[in-house]
Amino acid sequence: EMISQMIYFDGTFTGTYDKKGSASGLIEGRSPGYSLKDL
């Protein structure tokens, strides 16, 4: 159950099959991060 709470799909993510991307929703390395409420 905890592992399932760690996995998310963010529709703003721009990465593809062969290219890296970024997101405006869940941002990699953001501090302080995201709470369960945020998610």
PDB file of all heavy atoms in Angstrom:
ATOM      1  N   GLU A   1       0.825  -1.200   0.000  1.00  0.00           N
ATOM      2  CA  GLU A   1       0.000   0.000   0.000  1.00  0.00           C
ATOM      3  C   GLU A   1       0.864   1.258   0.000  1.00  0.00           C
ATOM      4  O   GLU A   1       0.561   2.243  -0.704  1.00  0.00           O
ATOM      5  CB  GLU A   1      -0.922  -0.004   1.225  1.00  0.00           C
ATOM      6  CG  GLU A   1      -1.770   1.254   1.387  1.00  0.00           C
ATOM      7  CD  GLU A   1      -2.698   1.511   0.209  1.00  0.00           C
ATOM      8  OE1 GLU A   1      -3.075   0.552  -0.497  1.00  0.00           O
ATOM      9  OE2 GLU A   1      -3.049   2.696  -0.007  1.00  0.00           O
ATOM     10  N   MET A   2       1.937   1.249   0.759  1.00  0.00           N
ATOM     11  CA  MET A   2       2.830   2.403   0.797  1.00  0.00           C
ATOM     12  C   MET A   2       3.478   2.626  -0.562  1.00  0.00           C
ATOM     13  O   MET A   2       3.596   3.770  -1.031  1.00  0.00           O
ATOM     14  CB  MET A   2       3.900   2.206   1.869  1.00  0.00           C
ATOM     15  CG  MET A   2       3.365   2.252   3.292  1.00  0.00           C
ATOM     16  SD  MET A   2       4.651   1.905   4.533  1.00  0.00           S
ATOM     17  CE  MET A   2       5.696   3.350   4.337  1.00  0.00           C
ATOM     18  N   ILE A   3       3.887   1.566  -1.215  1.00  0.00           N
ATOM     19  CA  ILE A   3       4.513   1.696  -2.535  1.00  0.00           C
ATOM     20  C   ILE A   3       3.510   2.268  -3.537  1.00  0.00           C
ATOM     21  O   ILE A   3       3.855   3.115  -4.370  1.00  0.00           O
ATOM     22  CB  ILE A   3       5.057   0.336  -3.013  1.00  0.00           C
ATOM     23  CG1 ILE A   3       6.247  -0.075  -2.128  1.00  0.00           C
ATOM     24  CG2 ILE A   3       5.490   0.400  -4.477  1.00  0.00           C
ATOM     25  CD1 ILE A   3       6.762  -1.475  -2.403  1.00  0.00           C
ATOM     26  N   SER A   4       2.250   1.836  -3.446  1.00  0.00           N
ATOM     27  CA  SER A   4       1.234   2.373  -4.352  1.00  0.00           C
ATOM     28  C   SER A   4       1.034   3.869  -4.137  1.00  0.00           C
ATOM     29  O   SER A   4       0.680   4.606  -5.067  1.00  0.00           O
ATOM     30  CB  SER A   4      -0.096   1.632  -4.168  1.00  0.00           C
ATOM     31  OG  SER A   4      -0.718   1.991  -2.954  1.00  0.00           O
ATOM     32  N   GLN A   5       1.256   4.345  -2.899  1.00  0.00           N
ATOM     33  CA  GLN A   5       1.113   5.762  -2.594  1.00  0.00           C
ATOM     34  C   GLN A   5       2.312   6.594  -3.055  1.00  0.00           C
ATOM     35  O   GLN A   5       2.293   7.820  -2.938  1.00  0.00           O
ATOM     36  CB  GLN A   5       0.915   5.954  -1.088  1.00  0.00           C
ATOM     37  CG  GLN A   5      -0.406   5.423  -0.569  1.00  0.00           C
ATOM     38  CD  GLN A   5      -0.569   5.627   0.922  1.00  0.00           C
ATOM     39  OE1 GLN A   5       0.398   5.845   1.660  1.00  0.00           O
ATOM     40  NE2 GLN A   5      -1.811   5.570   1.390  1.00  0.00           N
ATOM     41  N   MET A   6       3.309   5.938  -3.601  1.00  0.00           N
ATOM     42  CA  MET A   6       4.498   6.639  -4.097  1.00  0.00           C
ATOM     43  C   MET A   6       4.485   6.852  -5.612  1.00  0.00           C
ATOM     44  O   MET A   6       5.272   7.628  -6.148  1.00  0.00           O
ATOM     45  CB  MET A   6       5.760   5.835  -3.734  1.00  0.00           C
ATOM     46  CG  MET A   6       6.031   5.720  -2.258  1.00  0.00           C
ATOM     47  SD  MET A   6       7.346   4.510  -1.905  1.00  0.00           S
ATOM     48  CE  MET A   6       8.651   5.065  -2.995  1.00  0.00           C
ATOM     49  N   ILE A   7       3.588   6.170  -6.314  1.00  0.00           N
ATOM     50  CA  ILE A   7       3.590   6.164  -7.776  1.00  0.00           C
ATOM     51  C   ILE A   7       2.487   7.080  -8.296  1.00  0.00           C
ATOM     52  O   ILE A   7       1.321   6.930  -7.936  1.00  0.00           O
ATOM     53  CB  ILE A   7       3.382   4.727  -8.300  1.00  0.00           C
ATOM     54  CG1 ILE A   7       4.530   3.826  -7.846  1.00  0.00           C
ATOM     55  CG2 ILE A   7       3.246   4.715  -9.821  1.00  0.00           C
ATOM     56  CD1 ILE A   7       4.315   2.360  -8.175  1.00  0.00           C
ATOM     57  N   TYR A   8       2.856   8.020  -9.212  1.00  0.00           N
ATOM     58  CA  TYR A   8       1.881   8.983  -9.716  1.00  0.00           C
ATOM     59  C   TYR A   8       2.073   9.262 -11.199  1.00  0.00           C
ATOM     60  O   TYR A   8       3.186   9.167 -11.728  1.00  0.00           O
ATOM     61  CB  TYR A   8       1.971  10.298  -8.930  1.00  0.00           C
ATOM     62  CG  TYR A   8       1.530  10.127  -7.497  1.00  0.00           C
ATOM     63  CD1 TYR A   8       2.453   9.810  -6.503  1.00  0.00           C
ATOM     64  CD2 TYR A   8       0.185  10.229  -7.138  1.00  0.00           C
ATOM     65  CE1 TYR A   8       2.053   9.609  -5.197  1.00  0.00           C
ATOM     66  CE2 TYR A   8      -0.218  10.024  -5.835  1.00  0.00           C
ATOM     67  CZ  TYR A   8       0.711   9.715  -4.867  1.00  0.00           C
ATOM     68  OH  TYR A   8       0.310   9.496  -3.571  1.00  0.00           O
ATOM     69  N   PHE A   9       0.947   9.634 -11.817  1.00  0.00           N
ATOM     70  CA  PHE A   9       0.982  10.099 -13.204  1.00  0.00           C
ATOM     71  C   PHE A   9       0.616  11.570 -13.229  1.00  0.00           C
ATOM     72  O   PHE A   9      -0.441  11.974 -12.755  1.00  0.00           O
ATOM     73  CB  PHE A   9      -0.001   9.321 -14.085  1.00  0.00           C
ATOM     74  CG  PHE A   9      -0.110   9.880 -15.471  1.00  0.00           C
ATOM     75  CD1 PHE A   9       0.892   9.636 -16.402  1.00  0.00           C
ATOM     76  CD2 PHE A   9      -1.183  10.674 -15.840  1.00  0.00           C
ATOM     77  CE1 PHE A   9       0.822  10.177 -17.681  1.00  0.00           C
ATOM     78  CE2 PHE A   9      -1.267  11.208 -17.121  1.00  0.00           C
ATOM     79  CZ  PHE A   9      -0.267  10.961 -18.041  1.00  0.00           C
ATOM     80  N   ASP A  10       1.510  12.382 -13.781  1.00  0.00           N
ATOM     81  CA  ASP A  10       1.313  13.826 -13.900  1.00  0.00           C
ATOM     82  C   ASP A  10       1.128  14.168 -15.379  1.00  0.00           C
ATOM     83  O   ASP A  10       2.061  14.039 -16.178  1.00  0.00           O
ATOM     84  CB  ASP A  10       2.524  14.557 -13.313  1.00  0.00           C
ATOM     85  CG  ASP A  10       2.387  16.075 -13.380  1.00  0.00           C
ATOM     86  OD1 ASP A  10       1.373  16.567 -13.909  1.00  0.00           O
ATOM     87  OD2 ASP A  10       3.312  16.768 -12.913  1.00  0.00           O
ATOM     88  N   GLY A  11      -0.069  14.605 -15.745  1.00  0.00           N
ATOM     89  CA  GLY A  11      -0.367  14.910 -17.139  1.00  0.00           C
ATOM     90  C   GLY A  11       0.401  16.083 -17.700  1.00  0.00           C
ATOM     91  O   GLY A  11       0.435  16.267 -18.927  1.00  0.00           O
ATOM     92  N   THR A  12       1.065  16.874 -16.856  1.00  0.00           N
ATOM     93  CA  THR A  12       1.857  17.994 -17.357  1.00  0.00           C
ATOM     94  C   THR A  12       3.271  17.575 -17.763  1.00  0.00           C
ATOM     95  O   THR A  12       4.008  18.377 -18.324  1.00  0.00           O
ATOM     96  CB  THR A  12       1.966  19.120 -16.311  1.00  0.00           C
ATOM     97  OG1 THR A  12       2.828  18.701 -15.231  1.00  0.00           O
ATOM     98  CG2 THR A  12       0.600  19.484 -15.758  1.00  0.00           C
ATOM     99  N   PHE A  13       3.621  16.339 -17.475  1.00  0.00           N
ATOM    100  CA  PHE A  13       4.974  15.865 -17.775  1.00  0.00           C
ATOM    101  C   PHE A  13       5.184  15.817 -19.291  1.00  0.00           C
ATOM    102  O   PHE A  13       4.330  15.316 -20.029  1.00  0.00           O
ATOM    103  CB  PHE A  13       5.184  14.483 -17.171  1.00  0.00           C
ATOM    104  CG  PHE A  13       6.542  13.895 -17.428  1.00  0.00           C
ATOM    105  CD1 PHE A  13       7.664  14.416 -16.809  1.00  0.00           C
ATOM    106  CD2 PHE A  13       6.688  12.825 -18.292  1.00  0.00           C
ATOM    107  CE1 PHE A  13       8.920  13.877 -17.043  1.00  0.00           C
ATOM    108  CE2 PHE A  13       7.941  12.277 -18.534  1.00  0.00           C
ATOM    109  CZ  PHE A  13       9.054  12.804 -17.912  1.00  0.00           C
ATOM    110  N   THR A  14       6.328  16.320 -19.759  1.00  0.00           N
ATOM    111  CA  THR A  14       6.590  16.460 -21.197  1.00  0.00           C
ATOM    112  C   THR A  14       7.544  15.413 -21.765  1.00  0.00           C
ATOM    113  O   THR A  14       7.821  15.424 -22.955  1.00  0.00           O
ATOM    114  CB  THR A  14       7.162  17.857 -21.500  1.00  0.00           C
ATOM    115  OG1 THR A  14       8.417  18.021 -20.795  1.00  0.00           O
ATOM    116  CG2 THR A  14       6.200  18.950 -21.081  1.00  0.00           C
ATOM    117  N   GLY A  15       8.051  14.523 -20.927  1.00  0.00           N
ATOM    118  CA  GLY A  15       8.972  13.503 -21.420  1.00  0.00           C
ATOM    119  C   GLY A  15       8.280  12.529 -22.356  1.00  0.00           C
ATOM    120  O   GLY A  15       7.067  12.348 -22.331  1.00  0.00           O
ATOM    121  N   THR A  16       9.075  11.866 -23.205  1.00  0.00           N
ATOM    122  CA  THR A  16       8.544  10.917 -24.171  1.00  0.00           C
ATOM    123  C   THR A  16       9.333   9.611 -24.128  1.00  0.00           C
ATOM    124  O   THR A  16      10.197   9.419 -23.269  1.00  0.00           O
ATOM    125  CB  THR A  16       8.617  11.489 -25.596  1.00  0.00           C
ATOM    126  OG1 THR A  16      10.003  11.659 -25.970  1.00  0.00           O
ATOM    127  CG2 THR A  16       7.908  12.835 -25.685  1.00  0.00           C
ATOM    128  N   TYR A  17       9.068   8.757 -25.088  1.00  0.00           N
ATOM    129  CA  TYR A  17       9.738   7.457 -25.202  1.00  0.00           C
ATOM    130  C   TYR A  17      11.254   7.609 -25.305  1.00  0.00           C
ATOM    131  O   TYR A  17      11.991   6.796 -24.751  1.00  0.00           O
ATOM    132  CB  TYR A  17       9.195   6.731 -26.428  1.00  0.00           C
ATOM    133  CG  TYR A  17       9.870   5.423 -26.746  1.00  0.00           C
ATOM    134  CD1 TYR A  17       9.522   4.256 -26.075  1.00  0.00           C
ATOM    135  CD2 TYR A  17      10.850   5.339 -27.740  1.00  0.00           C
ATOM    136  CE1 TYR A  17      10.129   3.042 -26.371  1.00  0.00           C
ATOM    137  CE2 TYR A  17      11.466   4.136 -28.038  1.00  0.00           C
ATOM    138  CZ  TYR A  17      11.100   2.989 -27.360  1.00  0.00           C
ATOM    139  OH  TYR A  17      11.712   1.790 -27.673  1.00  0.00           O
ATOM    140  N   ASP A  18      11.716   8.650 -25.993  1.00  0.00           N
ATOM    141  CA  ASP A  18      13.157   8.800 -26.196  1.00  0.00           C
ATOM    142  C   ASP A  18      13.710  10.149 -25.740  1.00  0.00           C
ATOM    143  O   ASP A  18      14.862  10.476 -26.009  1.00  0.00           O
ATOM    144  CB  ASP A  18      13.518   8.576 -27.670  1.00  0.00           C
ATOM    145  CG  ASP A  18      12.700   9.440 -28.619  1.00  0.00           C
ATOM    146  OD1 ASP A  18      11.960  10.328 -28.140  1.00  0.00           O
ATOM    147  OD2 ASP A  18      12.810   9.231 -29.836  1.00  0.00           O
ATOM    148  N   LYS A  19      12.896  10.938 -25.031  1.00  0.00           N
ATOM    149  CA  LYS A  19      13.375  12.248 -24.588  1.00  0.00           C
ATOM    150  C   LYS A  19      12.973  12.502 -23.141  1.00  0.00           C
ATOM    151  O   LYS A  19      11.881  12.141 -22.710  1.00  0.00           O
ATOM    152  CB  LYS A  19      12.800  13.356 -25.468  1.00  0.00           C
ATOM    153  CG  LYS A  19      13.304  13.325 -26.904  1.00  0.00           C
ATOM    154  CD  LYS A  19      12.703  14.466 -27.711  1.00  0.00           C
ATOM    155  CE  LYS A  19      13.184  14.432 -29.156  1.00  0.00           C
ATOM    156  NZ  LYS A  19      12.594  15.531 -29.954  1.00  0.00           N
ATOM    157  N   LYS A  20      13.886  13.156 -22.415  1.00  0.00           N
ATOM    158  CA  LYS A  20      13.563  13.579 -21.064  1.00  0.00           C
ATOM    159  C   LYS A  20      12.650  14.791 -21.113  1.00  0.00           C
ATOM    160  O   LYS A  20      12.512  15.446 -22.147  1.00  0.00           O
ATOM    161  CB  LYS A  20      14.841  13.920 -20.294  1.00  0.00           C
ATOM    162  CG  LYS A  20      15.743  12.720 -20.022  1.00  0.00           C
ATOM    163  CD  LYS A  20      16.929  13.123 -19.166  1.00  0.00           C
ATOM    164  CE  LYS A  20      17.770  11.911 -18.798  1.00  0.00           C
ATOM    165  NZ  LYS A  20      18.895  12.267 -17.905  1.00  0.00           N
ATOM    166  N   GLY A  21      12.007  15.088 -19.995  1.00  0.00           N
ATOM    167  CA  GLY A  21      11.097  16.222 -19.954  1.00  0.00           C
ATOM    168  C   GLY A  21      11.032  16.833 -18.569  1.00  0.00           C
ATOM    169  O   GLY A  21      11.917  16.621 -17.737  1.00  0.00           O
ATOM    170  N   SER A  22       9.983  17.568 -18.337  1.00  0.00           N
ATOM    171  CA  SER A  22       9.778  18.199 -17.038  1.00  0.00           C
ATOM    172  C   SER A  22       8.274  18.320 -16.808  1.00  0.00           C
ATOM    173  O   SER A  22       7.472  18.004 -17.691  1.00  0.00           O
ATOM    174  CB  SER A  22      10.434  19.583 -16.989  1.00  0.00           C
ATOM    175  OG  SER A  22       9.876  20.430 -18.000  1.00  0.00           O
ATOM    176  N   ALA A  23       7.898  18.776 -15.637  1.00  0.00           N
ATOM    177  CA  ALA A  23       6.484  18.912 -15.305  1.00  0.00           C
ATOM    178  C   ALA A  23       6.268  20.176 -14.495  1.00  0.00           C
ATOM    179  O   ALA A  23       7.160  20.627 -13.767  1.00  0.00           O
ATOM    180  CB  ALA A  23       5.998  17.695 -14.524  1.00  0.00           C
ATOM    181  N   SER A  24       5.078  20.724 -14.629  1.00  0.00           N
ATOM    182  CA  SER A  24       4.715  21.898 -13.819  1.00  0.00           C
ATOM    183  C   SER A  24       3.871  21.499 -12.625  1.00  0.00           C
ATOM    184  O   SER A  24       3.581  22.334 -11.765  1.00  0.00           O
ATOM    185  CB  SER A  24       3.944  22.909 -14.682  1.00  0.00           C
ATOM    186  OG  SER A  24       2.771  22.314 -15.234  1.00  0.00           O
ATOM    187  N   GLY A  25       3.483  20.209 -12.582  1.00  0.00           N
ATOM    188  CA  GLY A  25       2.694  19.719 -11.455  1.00  0.00           C
ATOM    189  C   GLY A  25       3.576  19.165 -10.364  1.00  0.00           C
ATOM    190  O   GLY A  25       3.867  19.847  -9.365  1.00  0.00           O
ATOM    191  N   LEU A  26       4.027  17.939 -10.553  1.00  0.00           N
ATOM    192  CA  LEU A  26       4.966  17.317  -9.621  1.00  0.00           C
ATOM    193  C   LEU A  26       6.378  17.533 -10.149  1.00  0.00           C
ATOM    194  O   LEU A  26       6.790  16.928 -11.139  1.00  0.00           O
ATOM    195  CB  LEU A  26       4.650  15.817  -9.494  1.00  0.00           C
ATOM    196  CG  LEU A  26       3.251  15.483  -8.966  1.00  0.00           C
ATOM    197  CD1 LEU A  26       3.010  13.978  -8.984  1.00  0.00           C
ATOM    198  CD2 LEU A  26       3.062  16.043  -7.556  1.00  0.00           C
ATOM    199  N   ILE A  27       7.110  18.384  -9.486  1.00  0.00           N
ATOM    200  CA  ILE A  27       8.415  18.826  -9.969  1.00  0.00           C
ATOM    201  C   ILE A  27       9.530  18.042  -9.288  1.00  0.00           C
ATOM    202  O   ILE A  27       9.584  17.956  -8.058  1.00  0.00           O
ATOM    203  CB  ILE A  27       8.610  20.332  -9.721  1.00  0.00           C
ATOM    204  CG1 ILE A  27       7.502  21.120 -10.431  1.00  0.00           C
ATOM    205  CG2 ILE A  27       9.983  20.791 -10.198  1.00  0.00           C
ATOM    206  CD1 ILE A  27       7.483  22.596 -10.076  1.00  0.00           C
ATOM    207  N   GLU A  28      10.403  17.470 -10.093  1.00  0.00           N
ATOM    208  CA  GLU A  28      11.518  16.695  -9.557  1.00  0.00           C
ATOM    209  C   GLU A  28      12.406  17.562  -8.666  1.00  0.00           C
ATOM    210  O   GLU A  28      12.763  18.687  -9.026  1.00  0.00           O
ATOM    211  CB  GLU A  28      12.342  16.111 -10.709  1.00  0.00           C
ATOM    212  CG  GLU A  28      13.495  15.240 -10.250  1.00  0.00           C
ATOM    213  CD  GLU A  28      14.223  14.595 -11.424  1.00  0.00           C
ATOM    214  OE1 GLU A  28      14.998  15.316 -12.090  1.00  0.00           O
ATOM    215  OE2 GLU A  28      14.014  13.401 -11.657  1.00  0.00           O
ATOM    216  N   GLY A  29      12.746  17.037  -7.484  1.00  0.00           N
ATOM    217  CA  GLY A  29      13.652  17.736  -6.583  1.00  0.00           C
ATOM    218  C   GLY A  29      13.042  18.900  -5.827  1.00  0.00           C
ATOM    219  O   GLY A  29      13.763  19.618  -5.124  1.00  0.00           O
ATOM    220  N   ARG A  30      11.750  19.094  -5.948  1.00  0.00           N
ATOM    221  CA  ARG A  30      11.120  20.235  -5.282  1.00  0.00           C
ATOM    222  C   ARG A  30      11.255  20.110  -3.770  1.00  0.00           C
ATOM    223  O   ARG A  30      11.110  19.036  -3.204  1.00  0.00           O
ATOM    224  CB  ARG A  30       9.643  20.311  -5.652  1.00  0.00           C
ATOM    225  CG  ARG A  30       8.880  21.459  -4.986  1.00  0.00           C
ATOM    226  CD  ARG A  30       7.414  21.409  -5.412  1.00  0.00           C
ATOM    227  NE  ARG A  30       6.630  22.498  -4.852  1.00  0.00           N
ATOM    228  CZ  ARG A  30       5.990  22.458  -3.694  1.00  0.00           C
ATOM    229  NH1 ARG A  30       6.066  21.368  -2.945  1.00  0.00           N
ATOM    230  NH2 ARG A  30       5.269  23.482  -3.271  1.00  0.00           N
ATOM    231  N   SER A  31      11.517  21.219  -3.132  1.00  0.00           N
ATOM    232  CA  SER A  31      11.609  21.263  -1.674  1.00  0.00           C
ATOM    233  C   SER A  31      10.519  22.198  -1.162  1.00  0.00           C
ATOM    234  O   SER A  31      10.345  23.306  -1.698  1.00  0.00           O
ATOM    235  CB  SER A  31      12.991  21.772  -1.247  1.00  0.00           C
ATOM    236  OG  SER A  31      13.121  21.798   0.150  1.00  0.00           O
ATOM    237  N   PRO A  32       9.715  21.762  -0.237  1.00  0.00           N
ATOM    238  CA  PRO A  32       9.883  20.603   0.653  1.00  0.00           C
ATOM    239  C   PRO A  32       9.273  19.307   0.129  1.00  0.00           C
ATOM    240  O   PRO A  32       9.239  18.311   0.852  1.00  0.00           O
ATOM    241  CB  PRO A  32       9.146  21.064   1.913  1.00  0.00           C
ATOM    242  CG  PRO A  32       8.016  21.900   1.385  1.00  0.00           C
ATOM    243  CD  PRO A  32       8.580  22.609   0.188  1.00  0.00           C
ATOM    244  N   GLY A  33       8.749  19.265  -1.071  1.00  0.00           N
ATOM    245  CA  GLY A  33       8.116  18.058  -1.572  1.00  0.00           C
ATOM    246  C   GLY A  33       6.600  18.158  -1.517  1.00  0.00           C
ATOM    247  O   GLY A  33       6.035  19.263  -1.455  1.00  0.00           O
ATOM    248  N   TYR A  34       5.937  17.014  -1.496  1.00  0.00           N
ATOM    249  CA  TYR A  34       4.472  16.997  -1.592  1.00  0.00           C
ATOM    250  C   TYR A  34       3.873  16.115  -0.504  1.00  0.00           C
ATOM    251  O   TYR A  34       4.375  15.022  -0.224  1.00  0.00           O
ATOM    252  CB  TYR A  34       4.042  16.477  -2.971  1.00  0.00           C
ATOM    253  CG  TYR A  34       4.595  17.318  -4.106  1.00  0.00           C
ATOM    254  CD1 TYR A  34       5.816  16.980  -4.701  1.00  0.00           C
ATOM    255  CD2 TYR A  34       3.922  18.452  -4.545  1.00  0.00           C
ATOM    256  CE1 TYR A  34       6.332  17.752  -5.727  1.00  0.00           C
ATOM    257  CE2 TYR A  34       4.432  19.231  -5.577  1.00  0.00           C
ATOM    258  CZ  TYR A  34       5.638  18.880  -6.158  1.00  0.00           C
ATOM    259  OH  TYR A  34       6.163  19.668  -7.163  1.00  0.00           O
ATOM    260  N   SER A  35       2.779  16.605   0.070  1.00  0.00           N
ATOM    261  CA  SER A  35       2.072  15.841   1.094  1.00  0.00           C
ATOM    262  C   SER A  35       1.044  14.935   0.424  1.00  0.00           C
ATOM    263  O   SER A  35       0.744  15.069  -0.777  1.00  0.00           O
ATOM    264  CB  SER A  35       1.353  16.794   2.058  1.00  0.00           C
ATOM    265  OG  SER A  35       0.302  17.472   1.377  1.00  0.00           O
ATOM    266  N   LEU A  36       0.491  14.009   1.184  1.00  0.00           N
ATOM    267  CA  LEU A  36      -0.563  13.143   0.654  1.00  0.00           C
ATOM    268  C   LEU A  36      -1.754  13.977   0.189  1.00  0.00           C
ATOM    269  O   LEU A  36      -2.420  13.626  -0.794  1.00  0.00           O
ATOM    270  CB  LEU A  36      -0.986  12.137   1.720  1.00  0.00           C
ATOM    271  CG  LEU A  36       0.027  11.024   2.028  1.00  0.00           C
ATOM    272  CD1 LEU A  36      -0.425  10.227   3.241  1.00  0.00           C
ATOM    273  CD2 LEU A  36       0.210  10.111   0.818  1.00  0.00           C
ATOM    274  N   LYS A  37      -2.016  15.085   0.870  1.00  0.00           N
ATOM    275  CA  LYS A  37      -3.097  15.981   0.462  1.00  0.00           C
ATOM    276  C   LYS A  37      -2.788  16.591  -0.902  1.00  0.00           C
ATOM    277  O   LYS A  37      -3.670  16.675  -1.770  1.00  0.00           O
ATOM    278  CB  LYS A  37      -3.285  17.082   1.514  1.00  0.00           C
ATOM    279  CG  LYS A  37      -4.437  18.035   1.226  1.00  0.00           C
ATOM    280  CD  LYS A  37      -5.764  17.338   1.314  1.00  0.00           C
ATOM    281  CE  LYS A  37      -6.914  18.332   1.129  1.00  0.00           C
ATOM    282  NZ  LYS A  37      -8.244  17.672   1.183  1.00  0.00           N
ATOM    283  N   ASP A  38      -1.546  17.008  -1.102  1.00  0.00           N
ATOM    284  CA  ASP A  38      -1.148  17.579  -2.393  1.00  0.00           C
ATOM    285  C   ASP A  38      -1.312  16.564  -3.523  1.00  0.00           C
ATOM    286  O   ASP A  38      -1.625  16.925  -4.664  1.00  0.00           O
ATOM    287  CB  ASP A  38       0.323  18.018  -2.359  1.00  0.00           C
ATOM    288  CG  ASP A  38       0.592  19.146  -1.382  1.00  0.00           C
ATOM    289  OD1 ASP A  38      -0.322  19.971  -1.163  1.00  0.00           O
ATOM    290  OD2 ASP A  38       1.708  19.183  -0.828  1.00  0.00           O
ATOM    291  N   LEU A  39      -1.104  15.292  -3.199  1.00  0.00           N
ATOM    292  CA  LEU A  39      -1.074  14.241  -4.213  1.00  0.00           C
ATOM    293  C   LEU A  39      -2.453  13.706  -4.582  1.00  0.00           C
ATOM    294  O   LEU A  39      -2.587  12.946  -5.546  1.00  0.00           O
ATOM    295  CB  LEU A  39      -0.190  13.091  -3.723  1.00  0.00           C
ATOM    296  CG  LEU A  39       1.288  13.445  -3.507  1.00  0.00           C
ATOM    297  CD1 LEU A  39       1.991  12.315  -2.750  1.00  0.00           C
ATOM    298  CD2 LEU A  39       1.980  13.708  -4.839  1.00  0.00           C
TER     299      LEU A  39
END
